[in-house]
């Protein structure tokens, strides 16, 4: 996947917005104002940072050399993914996992805009 494909896929999630609060080299993706992914536009090797549970971050870092603690983010909760090393299906899964983690932490009244029971809208 390239930058534009990642961007387009991420924007298909309900309620996602994008902005550039850290300058022209970073695009962040949010749900209800909460960041779940940061796409690095200028890097030696293309990468993005996603928020995952600490246990999931440890697991993925142990399995893949293309996943490291995130630069300039809380390393317990964020990982850098060098996305050129992975298949589209893997990236899609991790992006959705990050989105759903952040969504799950929002107040119930807010989450109900995106969920009906256990089914996401």
PDB file of N, CA and C in Angstrom:
ATOM      1  N   UNK A   1       0.843  -1.183   0.000  1.00  0.00           N
ATOM      2  CA  UNK A   1       0.000   0.000   0.000  1.00  0.00           C
ATOM      3  C   UNK A   1       0.886   1.243   0.000  1.00  0.00           C
ATOM      4  N   UNK A   2       0.407   2.286  -0.642  1.00  0.00           N
ATOM      5  CA  UNK A   2       1.119   3.552  -0.596  1.00  0.00           C
ATOM      6  C   UNK A   2       0.367   4.529   0.311  1.00  0.00           C
ATOM      7  N   UNK A   3       0.919   5.699   0.490  1.00  0.00           N
ATOM      8  CA  UNK A   3       0.338   6.693   1.397  1.00  0.00           C
ATOM      9  C   UNK A   3      -1.114   6.985   1.051  1.00  0.00           C
ATOM     10  N   UNK A   4      -1.391   7.198  -0.208  1.00  0.00           N
ATOM     11  CA  UNK A   4      -2.757   7.561  -0.599  1.00  0.00           C
ATOM     12  C   UNK A   4      -3.735   6.414  -0.361  1.00  0.00           C
ATOM     13  N   UNK A   5      -3.317   5.188  -0.589  1.00  0.00           N
ATOM     14  CA  UNK A   5      -4.196   4.038  -0.327  1.00  0.00           C
ATOM     15  C   UNK A   5      -4.484   3.911   1.172  1.00  0.00           C
ATOM     16  N   UNK A   6      -3.485   4.139   1.990  1.00  0.00           N
ATOM     17  CA  UNK A   6      -3.690   4.096   3.445  1.00  0.00           C
ATOM     18  C   UNK A   6      -4.652   5.198   3.854  1.00  0.00           C
ATOM     19  N   UNK A   7      -4.441   6.376   3.347  1.00  0.00           N
ATOM     20  CA  UNK A   7      -5.323   7.511   3.651  1.00  0.00           C
ATOM     21  C   UNK A   7      -6.758   7.208   3.232  1.00  0.00           C
ATOM     22  N   UNK A   8      -6.943   6.771   2.014  1.00  0.00           N
ATOM     23  CA  UNK A   8      -8.287   6.479   1.510  1.00  0.00           C
ATOM     24  C   UNK A   8      -8.969   5.397   2.337  1.00  0.00           C
ATOM     25  N   UNK A   9      -8.244   4.340   2.677  1.00  0.00           N
ATOM     26  CA  UNK A   9      -8.829   3.262   3.473  1.00  0.00           C
ATOM     27  C   UNK A   9      -9.236   3.780   4.856  1.00  0.00           C
ATOM     28  N   UNK A  10      -8.361   4.537   5.496  1.00  0.00           N
ATOM     29  CA  UNK A  10      -8.637   5.035   6.844  1.00  0.00           C
ATOM     30  C   UNK A  10      -9.848   5.961   6.860  1.00  0.00           C
ATOM     31  N   UNK A  11     -10.016   6.743   5.822  1.00  0.00           N
ATOM     32  CA  UNK A  11     -11.155   7.656   5.760  1.00  0.00           C
ATOM     33  C   UNK A  11     -12.481   6.941   5.514  1.00  0.00           C
ATOM     34  N   UNK A  12     -12.461   5.633   5.241  1.00  0.00           N
ATOM     35  CA  UNK A  12     -13.716   4.890   5.090  1.00  0.00           C
ATOM     36  C   UNK A  12     -14.339   4.545   6.442  1.00  0.00           C
ATOM     37  N   UNK A  13     -13.576   4.655   7.529  1.00  0.00           N
ATOM     38  CA  UNK A  13     -14.122   4.360   8.856  1.00  0.00           C
ATOM     39  C   UNK A  13     -15.090   5.470   9.253  1.00  0.00           C
ATOM     40  N   UNK A  14     -16.227   5.127   9.818  1.00  0.00           N
ATOM     41  CA  UNK A  14     -17.214   6.145  10.200  1.00  0.00           C
ATOM     42  C   UNK A  14     -16.649   7.172  11.180  1.00  0.00           C
ATOM     43  N   UNK A  15     -16.905   8.438  10.894  1.00  0.00           N
ATOM     44  CA  UNK A  15     -16.541   9.517  11.803  1.00  0.00           C
ATOM     45  C   UNK A  15     -15.095   9.958  11.777  1.00  0.00           C
ATOM     46  N   UNK A  16     -14.283   9.415  10.898  1.00  0.00           N
ATOM     47  CA  UNK A  16     -12.854   9.752  10.880  1.00  0.00           C
ATOM     48  C   UNK A  16     -12.624  11.113  10.231  1.00  0.00           C
ATOM     49  N   UNK A  17     -11.760  11.885  10.878  1.00  0.00           N
ATOM     50  CA  UNK A  17     -11.315  13.157  10.318  1.00  0.00           C
ATOM     51  C   UNK A  17      -9.789  13.123  10.229  1.00  0.00           C
ATOM     52  N   UNK A  18      -9.250  14.009   9.416  1.00  0.00           N
ATOM     53  CA  UNK A  18      -7.795  14.116   9.289  1.00  0.00           C
ATOM     54  C   UNK A  18      -7.391  15.577   9.426  1.00  0.00           C
ATOM     55  N   UNK A  19      -6.209  15.795   9.976  1.00  0.00           N
ATOM     56  CA  UNK A  19      -5.664  17.138  10.051  1.00  0.00           C
ATOM     57  C   UNK A  19      -4.149  17.038  10.197  1.00  0.00           C
ATOM     58  N   UNK A  20      -3.505  18.198  10.252  1.00  0.00           N
ATOM     59  CA  UNK A  20      -2.044  18.244  10.300  1.00  0.00           C
ATOM     60  C   UNK A  20      -1.580  19.148  11.443  1.00  0.00           C
ATOM     61  N   UNK A  21      -1.840  18.760  12.688  1.00  0.00           N
ATOM     62  CA  UNK A  21      -1.492  19.627  13.817  1.00  0.00           C
ATOM     63  C   UNK A  21       0.002  19.704  14.117  1.00  0.00           C
ATOM     64  N   UNK A  22       0.793  18.786  13.579  1.00  0.00           N
ATOM     65  CA  UNK A  22       2.222  18.735  13.875  1.00  0.00           C
ATOM     66  C   UNK A  22       3.073  19.221  12.714  1.00  0.00           C
ATOM     67  N   UNK A  23       2.462  19.891  11.756  1.00  0.00           N
ATOM     68  CA  UNK A  23       3.196  20.396  10.600  1.00  0.00           C
ATOM     69  C   UNK A  23       2.902  19.611   9.342  1.00  0.00           C
ATOM     70  N   UNK A  24       3.556  19.998   8.276  1.00  0.00           N
ATOM     71  CA  UNK A  24       3.269  19.449   6.953  1.00  0.00           C
ATOM     72  C   UNK A  24       3.765  18.029   6.721  1.00  0.00           C
ATOM     73  N   UNK A  25       4.530  17.486   7.638  1.00  0.00           N
ATOM     74  CA  UNK A  25       5.091  16.144   7.447  1.00  0.00           C
ATOM     75  C   UNK A  25       4.269  15.030   8.090  1.00  0.00           C
ATOM     76  N   UNK A  26       3.192  15.393   8.778  1.00  0.00           N
ATOM     77  CA  UNK A  26       2.396  14.401   9.502  1.00  0.00           C
ATOM     78  C   UNK A  26       0.905  14.649   9.304  1.00  0.00           C
ATOM     79  N   UNK A  27       0.183  13.588   8.981  1.00  0.00           N
ATOM     80  CA  UNK A  27      -1.275  13.656   8.902  1.00  0.00           C
ATOM     81  C   UNK A  27      -1.816  12.753   9.996  1.00  0.00           C
ATOM     82  N   UNK A  28      -2.647  13.307  10.877  1.00  0.00           N
ATOM     83  CA  UNK A  28      -3.238  12.489  11.921  1.00  0.00           C
ATOM     84  C   UNK A  28      -4.695  12.196  11.588  1.00  0.00           C
ATOM     85  N   UNK A  29      -5.134  11.033  12.014  1.00  0.00           N
ATOM     86  CA  UNK A  29      -6.500  10.583  11.791  1.00  0.00           C
ATOM     87  C   UNK A  29      -7.138  10.399  13.153  1.00  0.00           C
ATOM     88  N   UNK A  30      -8.365  10.929  13.283  1.00  0.00           N
ATOM     89  CA  UNK A  30      -9.034  10.965  14.574  1.00  0.00           C
ATOM     90  C   UNK A  30     -10.455  10.426  14.470  1.00  0.00           C
ATOM     91  N   UNK A  31     -10.938   9.959  15.612  1.00  0.00           N
ATOM     92  CA  UNK A  31     -12.351   9.661  15.791  1.00  0.00           C
ATOM     93  C   UNK A  31     -12.780  10.482  17.002  1.00  0.00           C
ATOM     94  N   UNK A  32     -13.753  11.342  16.816  1.00  0.00           N
ATOM     95  CA  UNK A  32     -14.241  12.213  17.886  1.00  0.00           C
ATOM     96  C   UNK A  32     -13.092  12.981  18.543  1.00  0.00           C
ATOM     97  N   UNK A  33     -12.163  13.442  17.738  1.00  0.00           N
ATOM     98  CA  UNK A  33     -11.057  14.248  18.229  1.00  0.00           C
ATOM     99  C   UNK A  33      -9.895  13.474  18.820  1.00  0.00           C
ATOM    100  N   UNK A  34     -10.020  12.152  18.944  1.00  0.00           N
ATOM    101  CA  UNK A  34      -8.971  11.318  19.527  1.00  0.00           C
ATOM    102  C   UNK A  34      -8.140  10.680  18.416  1.00  0.00           C
ATOM    103  N   UNK A  35      -6.830  10.852  18.479  1.00  0.00           N
ATOM    104  CA  UNK A  35      -5.931  10.336  17.450  1.00  0.00           C
ATOM    105  C   UNK A  35      -5.782   8.826  17.582  1.00  0.00           C
ATOM    106  N   UNK A  36      -5.886   8.123  16.450  1.00  0.00           N
ATOM    107  CA  UNK A  36      -5.617   6.688  16.443  1.00  0.00           C
ATOM    108  C   UNK A  36      -4.534   6.316  15.442  1.00  0.00           C
ATOM    109  N   UNK A  37      -4.173   7.243  14.536  1.00  0.00           N
ATOM    110  CA  UNK A  37      -3.125   6.952  13.564  1.00  0.00           C
ATOM    111  C   UNK A  37      -2.471   8.241  13.105  1.00  0.00           C
ATOM    112  N   UNK A  38      -1.152   8.169  12.907  1.00  0.00           N
ATOM    113  CA  UNK A  38      -0.390   9.290  12.371  1.00  0.00           C
ATOM    114  C   UNK A  38       0.411   8.773  11.178  1.00  0.00           C
ATOM    115  N   UNK A  39       0.172   9.365  10.050  1.00  0.00           N
ATOM    116  CA  UNK A  39       0.854   8.985   8.816  1.00  0.00           C
ATOM    117  C   UNK A  39       2.009   9.949   8.588  1.00  0.00           C
ATOM    118  N   UNK A  40       3.220   9.407   8.511  1.00  0.00           N
ATOM    119  CA  UNK A  40       4.418  10.219   8.315  1.00  0.00           C
ATOM    120  C   UNK A  40       4.620  10.406   6.812  1.00  0.00           C
ATOM    121  N   UNK A  41       4.630  11.662   6.376  1.00  0.00           N
ATOM    122  CA  UNK A  41       4.740  11.942   4.942  1.00  0.00           C
ATOM    123  C   UNK A  41       6.175  11.983   4.454  1.00  0.00           C
ATOM    124  N   UNK A  42       7.087  12.435   5.281  1.00  0.00           N
ATOM    125  CA  UNK A  42       8.501  12.524   4.898  1.00  0.00           C
ATOM    126  C   UNK A  42       9.318  11.652   5.837  1.00  0.00           C
ATOM    127  N   UNK A  43       9.763  10.513   5.343  1.00  0.00           N
ATOM    128  CA  UNK A  43      10.579   9.612   6.156  1.00  0.00           C
ATOM    129  C   UNK A  43      11.512   8.836   5.238  1.00  0.00           C
ATOM    130  N   UNK A  44      12.642   8.395   5.789  1.00  0.00           N
ATOM    131  CA  UNK A  44      13.572   7.588   5.004  1.00  0.00           C
ATOM    132  C   UNK A  44      12.885   6.320   4.506  1.00  0.00           C
ATOM    133  N   UNK A  45      12.106   5.719   5.387  1.00  0.00           N
ATOM    134  CA  UNK A  45      11.304   4.550   5.015  1.00  0.00           C
ATOM    135  C   UNK A  45       9.867   4.859   5.422  1.00  0.00           C
ATOM    136  N   UNK A  46       8.913   4.692   4.499  1.00  0.00           N
ATOM    137  CA  UNK A  46       7.519   5.039   4.813  1.00  0.00           C
ATOM    138  C   UNK A  46       7.023   4.338   6.077  1.00  0.00           C
ATOM    139  N   UNK A  47       6.376   5.148   6.953  1.00  0.00           N
ATOM    140  CA  UNK A  47       5.875   4.585   8.197  1.00  0.00           C
ATOM    141  C   UNK A  47       4.634   5.324   8.660  1.00  0.00           C
ATOM    142  N   UNK A  48       3.950   4.675   9.563  1.00  0.00           N
ATOM    143  CA  UNK A  48       2.817   5.283  10.241  1.00  0.00           C
ATOM    144  C   UNK A  48       2.863   4.837  11.687  1.00  0.00           C
ATOM    145  N   UNK A  49       2.223   5.596  12.550  1.00  0.00           N
ATOM    146  CA  UNK A  49       2.146   5.254  13.974  1.00  0.00           C
ATOM    147  C   UNK A  49       0.687   4.968  14.301  1.00  0.00           C
ATOM    148  N   UNK A  50       0.462   3.864  15.015  1.00  0.00           N
ATOM    149  CA  UNK A  50      -0.897   3.532  15.442  1.00  0.00           C
ATOM    150  C   UNK A  50      -0.916   3.250  16.936  1.00  0.00           C
ATOM    151  N   UNK A  51      -2.093   3.488  17.511  1.00  0.00           N
ATOM    152  CA  UNK A  51      -2.294   3.223  18.926  1.00  0.00           C
ATOM    153  C   UNK A  51      -2.902   1.836  19.076  1.00  0.00           C
ATOM    154  N   UNK A  52      -2.262   1.018  19.912  1.00  0.00           N
ATOM    155  CA  UNK A  52      -2.757  -0.321  20.225  1.00  0.00           C
ATOM    156  C   UNK A  52      -2.580  -0.553  21.722  1.00  0.00           C
ATOM    157  N   UNK A  53      -3.155  -1.624  22.227  1.00  0.00           N
ATOM    158  CA  UNK A  53      -2.966  -1.942  23.642  1.00  0.00           C
ATOM    159  C   UNK A  53      -1.492  -2.265  23.876  1.00  0.00           C
ATOM    160  N   UNK A  54      -1.004  -2.029  25.087  1.00  0.00           N
ATOM    161  CA  UNK A  54       0.400  -2.343  25.370  1.00  0.00           C
ATOM    162  C   UNK A  54       0.757  -3.802  25.069  1.00  0.00           C
ATOM    163  N   UNK A  55      -0.151  -4.722  25.396  1.00  0.00           N
ATOM    164  CA  UNK A  55       0.108  -6.140  25.140  1.00  0.00           C
ATOM    165  C   UNK A  55       0.201  -6.426  23.645  1.00  0.00           C
ATOM    166  N   UNK A  56      -0.689  -5.813  22.879  1.00  0.00           N
ATOM    167  CA  UNK A  56      -0.684  -6.018  21.420  1.00  0.00           C
ATOM    168  C   UNK A  56       0.587  -5.428  20.803  1.00  0.00           C
ATOM    169  N   UNK A  57       1.010  -4.263  21.276  1.00  0.00           N
ATOM    170  CA  UNK A  57       2.251  -3.672  20.770  1.00  0.00           C
ATOM    171  C   UNK A  57       3.434  -4.596  21.022  1.00  0.00           C
ATOM    172  N   UNK A  58       3.544  -5.119  22.220  1.00  0.00           N
ATOM    173  CA  UNK A  58       4.645  -6.044  22.540  1.00  0.00           C
ATOM    174  C   UNK A  58       4.606  -7.273  21.629  1.00  0.00           C
ATOM    175  N   UNK A  59       3.418  -7.819  21.430  1.00  0.00           N
ATOM    176  CA  UNK A  59       3.263  -9.002  20.586  1.00  0.00           C
ATOM    177  C   UNK A  59       3.723  -8.731  19.155  1.00  0.00           C
ATOM    178  N   UNK A  60       3.249  -7.636  18.577  1.00  0.00           N
ATOM    179  CA  UNK A  60       3.598  -7.324  17.185  1.00  0.00           C
ATOM    180  C   UNK A  60       5.087  -7.001  17.026  1.00  0.00           C
ATOM    181  N   UNK A  61       5.654  -6.295  17.990  1.00  0.00           N
ATOM    182  CA  UNK A  61       7.085  -5.967  17.924  1.00  0.00           C
ATOM    183  C   UNK A  61       7.946  -7.219  18.006  1.00  0.00           C
ATOM    184  N   UNK A  62       7.486  -8.210  18.764  1.00  0.00           N
ATOM    185  CA  UNK A  62       8.233  -9.461  18.866  1.00  0.00           C
ATOM    186  C   UNK A  62       8.136 -10.276  17.582  1.00  0.00           C
ATOM    187  N   UNK A  63       7.027 -10.143  16.873  1.00  0.00           N
ATOM    188  CA  UNK A  63       6.804 -10.934  15.657  1.00  0.00           C
ATOM    189  C   UNK A  63       7.410 -10.316  14.396  1.00  0.00           C
ATOM    190  N   UNK A  64       7.448  -8.992  14.326  1.00  0.00           N
ATOM    191  CA  UNK A  64       7.826  -8.319  13.080  1.00  0.00           C
ATOM    192  C   UNK A  64       8.912  -7.281  13.312  1.00  0.00           C
ATOM    193  N   UNK A  65       9.973  -7.341  12.505  1.00  0.00           N
ATOM    194  CA  UNK A  65      11.013  -6.327  12.635  1.00  0.00           C
ATOM    195  C   UNK A  65      10.591  -4.999  12.021  1.00  0.00           C
ATOM    196  N   UNK A  66       9.500  -4.972  11.289  1.00  0.00           N
ATOM    197  CA  UNK A  66       8.973  -3.739  10.689  1.00  0.00           C
ATOM    198  C   UNK A  66       8.021  -2.996  11.602  1.00  0.00           C
ATOM    199  N   UNK A  67       7.965  -3.414  12.881  1.00  0.00           N
ATOM    200  CA  UNK A  67       7.130  -2.726  13.864  1.00  0.00           C
ATOM    201  C   UNK A  67       8.014  -2.421  15.068  1.00  0.00           C
ATOM    202  N   UNK A  68       8.093  -1.131  15.405  1.00  0.00           N
ATOM    203  CA  UNK A  68       8.971  -0.673  16.475  1.00  0.00           C
ATOM    204  C   UNK A  68       8.211   0.302  17.382  1.00  0.00           C
ATOM    205  N   UNK A  69       8.762   0.596  18.569  1.00  0.00           N
ATOM    206  CA  UNK A  69       8.142   1.636  19.392  1.00  0.00           C
ATOM    207  C   UNK A  69       8.070   2.946  18.594  1.00  0.00           C
ATOM    208  N   UNK A  70       6.978   3.651  18.719  1.00  0.00           N
ATOM    209  CA  UNK A  70       6.755   4.851  17.898  1.00  0.00           C
ATOM    210  C   UNK A  70       7.658   6.007  18.322  1.00  0.00           C
ATOM    211  N   UNK A  71       8.200   6.660  17.330  1.00  0.00           N
ATOM    212  CA  UNK A  71       9.043   7.822  17.534  1.00  0.00           C
ATOM    213  C   UNK A  71       8.152   8.986  17.954  1.00  0.00           C
ATOM    214  N   UNK A  72       8.479   9.680  19.016  1.00  0.00           N
ATOM    215  CA  UNK A  72       7.744  10.856  19.514  1.00  0.00           C
ATOM    216  C   UNK A  72       6.344  10.552  20.027  1.00  0.00           C
ATOM    217  N   UNK A  73       6.040   9.297  20.325  1.00  0.00           N
ATOM    218  CA  UNK A  73       4.743   8.927  20.906  1.00  0.00           C
ATOM    219  C   UNK A  73       5.027   8.076  22.132  1.00  0.00           C
ATOM    220  N   UNK A  74       4.038   7.880  22.947  1.00  0.00           N
ATOM    221  CA  UNK A  74       4.175   7.008  24.115  1.00  0.00           C
ATOM    222  C   UNK A  74       4.462   5.599  23.620  1.00  0.00           C
ATOM    223  N   UNK A  75       5.630   5.107  23.903  1.00  0.00           N
ATOM    224  CA  UNK A  75       6.083   3.834  23.327  1.00  0.00           C
ATOM    225  C   UNK A  75       5.345   2.622  23.873  1.00  0.00           C
ATOM    226  N   UNK A  76       4.678   2.782  24.980  1.00  0.00           N
ATOM    227  CA  UNK A  76       3.869   1.702  25.528  1.00  0.00           C
ATOM    228  C   UNK A  76       2.587   1.515  24.708  1.00  0.00           C
ATOM    229  N   UNK A  77       2.033   2.614  24.233  1.00  0.00           N
ATOM    230  CA  UNK A  77       0.732   2.584  23.566  1.00  0.00           C
ATOM    231  C   UNK A  77       0.791   2.759  22.047  1.00  0.00           C
ATOM    232  N   UNK A  78       1.925   3.172  21.530  1.00  0.00           N
ATOM    233  CA  UNK A  78       2.033   3.477  20.101  1.00  0.00           C
ATOM    234  C   UNK A  78       3.187   2.701  19.471  1.00  0.00           C
ATOM    235  N   UNK A  79       2.955   2.237  18.245  1.00  0.00           N
ATOM    236  CA  UNK A  79       3.996   1.565  17.463  1.00  0.00           C
ATOM    237  C   UNK A  79       4.112   2.196  16.090  1.00  0.00           C
ATOM    238  N   UNK A  80       5.333   2.271  15.604  1.00  0.00           N
ATOM    239  CA  UNK A  80       5.581   2.646  14.208  1.00  0.00           C
ATOM    240  C   UNK A  80       5.513   1.386  13.368  1.00  0.00           C
ATOM    241  N   UNK A  81       4.811   1.476  12.265  1.00  0.00           N
ATOM    242  CA  UNK A  81       4.732   0.370  11.314  1.00  0.00           C
ATOM    243  C   UNK A  81       5.348   0.846  10.008  1.00  0.00           C
ATOM    244  N   UNK A  82       6.384   0.172   9.575  1.00  0.00           N
ATOM    245  CA  UNK A  82       7.027   0.463   8.297  1.00  0.00           C
ATOM    246  C   UNK A  82       6.226  -0.290   7.241  1.00  0.00           C
ATOM    247  N   UNK A  83       5.202   0.386   6.749  1.00  0.00           N
ATOM    248  CA  UNK A  83       4.135  -0.287   6.008  1.00  0.00           C
ATOM    249  C   UNK A  83       4.550  -0.875   4.666  1.00  0.00           C
ATOM    250  N   UNK A  84       5.661  -0.477   4.131  1.00  0.00           N
ATOM    251  CA  UNK A  84       6.125  -1.076   2.884  1.00  0.00           C
ATOM    252  C   UNK A  84       6.523  -2.539   3.025  1.00  0.00           C
ATOM    253  N   UNK A  85       6.676  -3.003   4.243  1.00  0.00           N
ATOM    254  CA  UNK A  85       7.094  -4.384   4.522  1.00  0.00           C
ATOM    255  C   UNK A  85       5.911  -5.343   4.713  1.00  0.00           C
ATOM    256  N   UNK A  86       4.676  -4.824   4.660  1.00  0.00           N
ATOM    257  CA  UNK A  86       3.525  -5.649   5.006  1.00  0.00           C
ATOM    258  C   UNK A  86       2.488  -5.704   3.894  1.00  0.00           C
ATOM    259  N   UNK A  87       1.697  -6.749   3.952  1.00  0.00           N
ATOM    260  CA  UNK A  87       0.612  -6.943   2.997  1.00  0.00           C
ATOM    261  C   UNK A  87      -0.568  -6.035   3.360  1.00  0.00           C
ATOM    262  N   UNK A  88      -1.347  -5.715   2.361  1.00  0.00           N
ATOM    263  CA  UNK A  88      -2.505  -4.845   2.531  1.00  0.00           C
ATOM    264  C   UNK A  88      -3.461  -5.354   3.607  1.00  0.00           C
ATOM    265  N   UNK A  89      -3.705  -6.657   3.626  1.00  0.00           N
ATOM    266  CA  UNK A  89      -4.649  -7.225   4.599  1.00  0.00           C
ATOM    267  C   UNK A  89      -4.167  -7.019   6.033  1.00  0.00           C
ATOM    268  N   UNK A  90      -2.865  -7.179   6.256  1.00  0.00           N
ATOM    269  CA  UNK A  90      -2.307  -6.958   7.594  1.00  0.00           C
ATOM    270  C   UNK A  90      -2.499  -5.499   8.012  1.00  0.00           C
ATOM    271  N   UNK A  91      -2.159  -4.595   7.112  1.00  0.00           N
ATOM    272  CA  UNK A  91      -2.290  -3.174   7.418  1.00  0.00           C
ATOM    273  C   UNK A  91      -3.739  -2.801   7.686  1.00  0.00           C
ATOM    274  N   UNK A  92      -4.641  -3.310   6.871  1.00  0.00           N
ATOM    275  CA  UNK A  92      -6.063  -3.025   7.085  1.00  0.00           C
ATOM    276  C   UNK A  92      -6.485  -3.479   8.479  1.00  0.00           C
ATOM    277  N   UNK A  93      -6.075  -4.654   8.874  1.00  0.00           N
ATOM    278  CA  UNK A  93      -6.434  -5.182  10.187  1.00  0.00           C
ATOM    279  C   UNK A  93      -5.902  -4.326  11.318  1.00  0.00           C
ATOM    280  N   UNK A  94      -4.642  -3.906  11.223  1.00  0.00           N
ATOM    281  CA  UNK A  94      -4.046  -3.097  12.278  1.00  0.00           C
ATOM    282  C   UNK A  94      -4.668  -1.709  12.347  1.00  0.00           C
ATOM    283  N   UNK A  95      -4.966  -1.125  11.189  1.00  0.00           N
ATOM    284  CA  UNK A  95      -5.611   0.194  11.180  1.00  0.00           C
ATOM    285  C   UNK A  95      -6.995   0.119  11.811  1.00  0.00           C
ATOM    286  N   UNK A  96      -7.753  -0.905  11.452  1.00  0.00           N
ATOM    287  CA  UNK A  96      -9.089  -1.079  12.041  1.00  0.00           C
ATOM    288  C   UNK A  96      -8.980  -1.345  13.544  1.00  0.00           C
ATOM    289  N   UNK A  97      -8.009  -2.140  13.944  1.00  0.00           N
ATOM    290  CA  UNK A  97      -7.804  -2.443  15.362  1.00  0.00           C
ATOM    291  C   UNK A  97      -7.523  -1.159  16.152  1.00  0.00           C
ATOM    292  N   UNK A  98      -6.699  -0.278  15.613  1.00  0.00           N
ATOM    293  CA  UNK A  98      -6.381   0.979  16.270  1.00  0.00           C
ATOM    294  C   UNK A  98      -7.625   1.860  16.374  1.00  0.00           C
ATOM    295  N   UNK A  99      -8.340   1.990  15.280  1.00  0.00           N
ATOM    296  CA  UNK A  99      -9.581   2.778  15.259  1.00  0.00           C
ATOM    297  C   UNK A  99     -10.570   2.259  16.298  1.00  0.00           C
ATOM    298  N   UNK A 100     -10.780   0.950  16.323  1.00  0.00           N
ATOM    299  CA  UNK A 100     -11.764   0.370  17.235  1.00  0.00           C
ATOM    300  C   UNK A 100     -11.325   0.471  18.695  1.00  0.00           C
ATOM    301  N   UNK A 101     -10.014   0.406  18.952  1.00  0.00           N
ATOM    302  CA  UNK A 101      -9.523   0.590  20.314  1.00  0.00           C
ATOM    303  C   UNK A 101      -9.874   1.985  20.819  1.00  0.00           C
ATOM    304  N   UNK A 102      -9.561   2.994  20.032  1.00  0.00           N
ATOM    305  CA  UNK A 102      -9.832   4.373  20.449  1.00  0.00           C
ATOM    306  C   UNK A 102     -11.343   4.605  20.550  1.00  0.00           C
ATOM    307  N   UNK A 103     -12.097   4.087  19.608  1.00  0.00           N
ATOM    308  CA  UNK A 103     -13.553   4.207  19.649  1.00  0.00           C
ATOM    309  C   UNK A 103     -14.114   3.562  20.912  1.00  0.00           C
ATOM    310  N   UNK A 104     -13.575   2.432  21.305  1.00  0.00           N
ATOM    311  CA  UNK A 104     -14.073   1.716  22.485  1.00  0.00           C
ATOM    312  C   UNK A 104     -13.842   2.478  23.784  1.00  0.00           C
ATOM    313  N   UNK A 105     -12.908   3.411  23.778  1.00  0.00           N
ATOM    314  CA  UNK A 105     -12.587   4.183  24.983  1.00  0.00           C
ATOM    315  C   UNK A 105     -13.422   5.460  25.106  1.00  0.00           C
ATOM    316  N   UNK A 106     -14.196   5.774  24.086  1.00  0.00           N
ATOM    317  CA  UNK A 106     -15.038   6.970  24.121  1.00  0.00           C
ATOM    318  C   UNK A 106     -16.257   6.728  25.007  1.00  0.00           C
ATOM    319  N   UNK A 107     -16.873   7.781  25.524  1.00  0.00           N
ATOM    320  CA  UNK A 107     -18.077   7.603  26.332  1.00  0.00           C
ATOM    321  C   UNK A 107     -19.168   6.855  25.561  1.00  0.00           C
ATOM    322  N   UNK A 108     -19.952   6.088  26.286  1.00  0.00           N
ATOM    323  CA  UNK A 108     -20.986   5.269  25.671  1.00  0.00           C
ATOM    324  C   UNK A 108     -21.928   6.094  24.804  1.00  0.00           C
ATOM    325  N   UNK A 109     -22.288   7.260  25.265  1.00  0.00           N
ATOM    326  CA  UNK A 109     -23.200   8.114  24.494  1.00  0.00           C
ATOM    327  C   UNK A 109     -22.614   8.492  23.137  1.00  0.00           C
ATOM    328  N   UNK A 110     -21.307   8.621  23.078  1.00  0.00           N
ATOM    329  CA  UNK A 110     -20.635   8.947  21.817  1.00  0.00           C
ATOM    330  C   UNK A 110     -20.521   7.695  20.955  1.00  0.00           C
ATOM    331  N   UNK A 111     -20.138   6.569  21.568  1.00  0.00           N
ATOM    332  CA  UNK A 111     -19.981   5.312  20.816  1.00  0.00           C
ATOM    333  C   UNK A 111     -21.262   4.895  20.122  1.00  0.00           C
ATOM    334  N   UNK A 112     -22.403   5.207  20.714  1.00  0.00           N
ATOM    335  CA  UNK A 112     -23.671   4.759  20.133  1.00  0.00           C
ATOM    336  C   UNK A 112     -23.912   5.348  18.742  1.00  0.00           C
ATOM    337  N   UNK A 113     -23.218   6.433  18.414  1.00  0.00           N
ATOM    338  CA  UNK A 113     -23.324   6.977  17.054  1.00  0.00           C
ATOM    339  C   UNK A 113     -22.704   6.027  16.026  1.00  0.00           C
ATOM    340  N   UNK A 114     -21.799   5.169  16.494  1.00  0.00           N
ATOM    341  CA  UNK A 114     -21.051   4.299  15.597  1.00  0.00           C
ATOM    342  C   UNK A 114     -21.389   2.822  15.752  1.00  0.00           C
ATOM    343  N   UNK A 115     -22.102   2.472  16.813  1.00  0.00           N
ATOM    344  CA  UNK A 115     -22.450   1.083  17.073  1.00  0.00           C
ATOM    345  C   UNK A 115     -23.951   0.934  17.302  1.00  0.00           C
ATOM    346  N   UNK A 116     -24.482  -0.160  16.821  1.00  0.00           N
ATOM    347  CA  UNK A 116     -25.830  -0.577  17.163  1.00  0.00           C
ATOM    348  C   UNK A 116     -25.663  -1.957  17.768  1.00  0.00           C
ATOM    349  N   UNK A 117     -25.787  -2.061  19.084  1.00  0.00           N
ATOM    350  CA  UNK A 117     -25.467  -3.330  19.736  1.00  0.00           C
ATOM    351  C   UNK A 117     -23.991  -3.602  19.560  1.00  0.00           C
ATOM    352  N   UNK A 118     -23.665  -4.767  19.000  1.00  0.00           N
ATOM    353  CA  UNK A 118     -22.278  -5.124  18.743  1.00  0.00           C
ATOM    354  C   UNK A 118     -21.880  -4.816  17.307  1.00  0.00           C
ATOM    355  N   UNK A 119     -22.823  -4.348  16.504  1.00  0.00           N
ATOM    356  CA  UNK A 119     -22.548  -4.114  15.083  1.00  0.00           C
ATOM    357  C   UNK A 119     -22.195  -2.652  14.837  1.00  0.00           C
ATOM    358  N   UNK A 120     -21.059  -2.434  14.201  1.00  0.00           N
ATOM    359  CA  UNK A 120     -20.638  -1.083  13.868  1.00  0.00           C
ATOM    360  C   UNK A 120     -21.388  -0.600  12.643  1.00  0.00           C
ATOM    361  N   UNK A 121     -21.801   0.661  12.666  1.00  0.00           N
ATOM    362  CA  UNK A 121     -22.522   1.247  11.530  1.00  0.00           C
ATOM    363  C   UNK A 121     -21.604   1.485  10.363  1.00  0.00           C
TER     364      UNK A 121
END
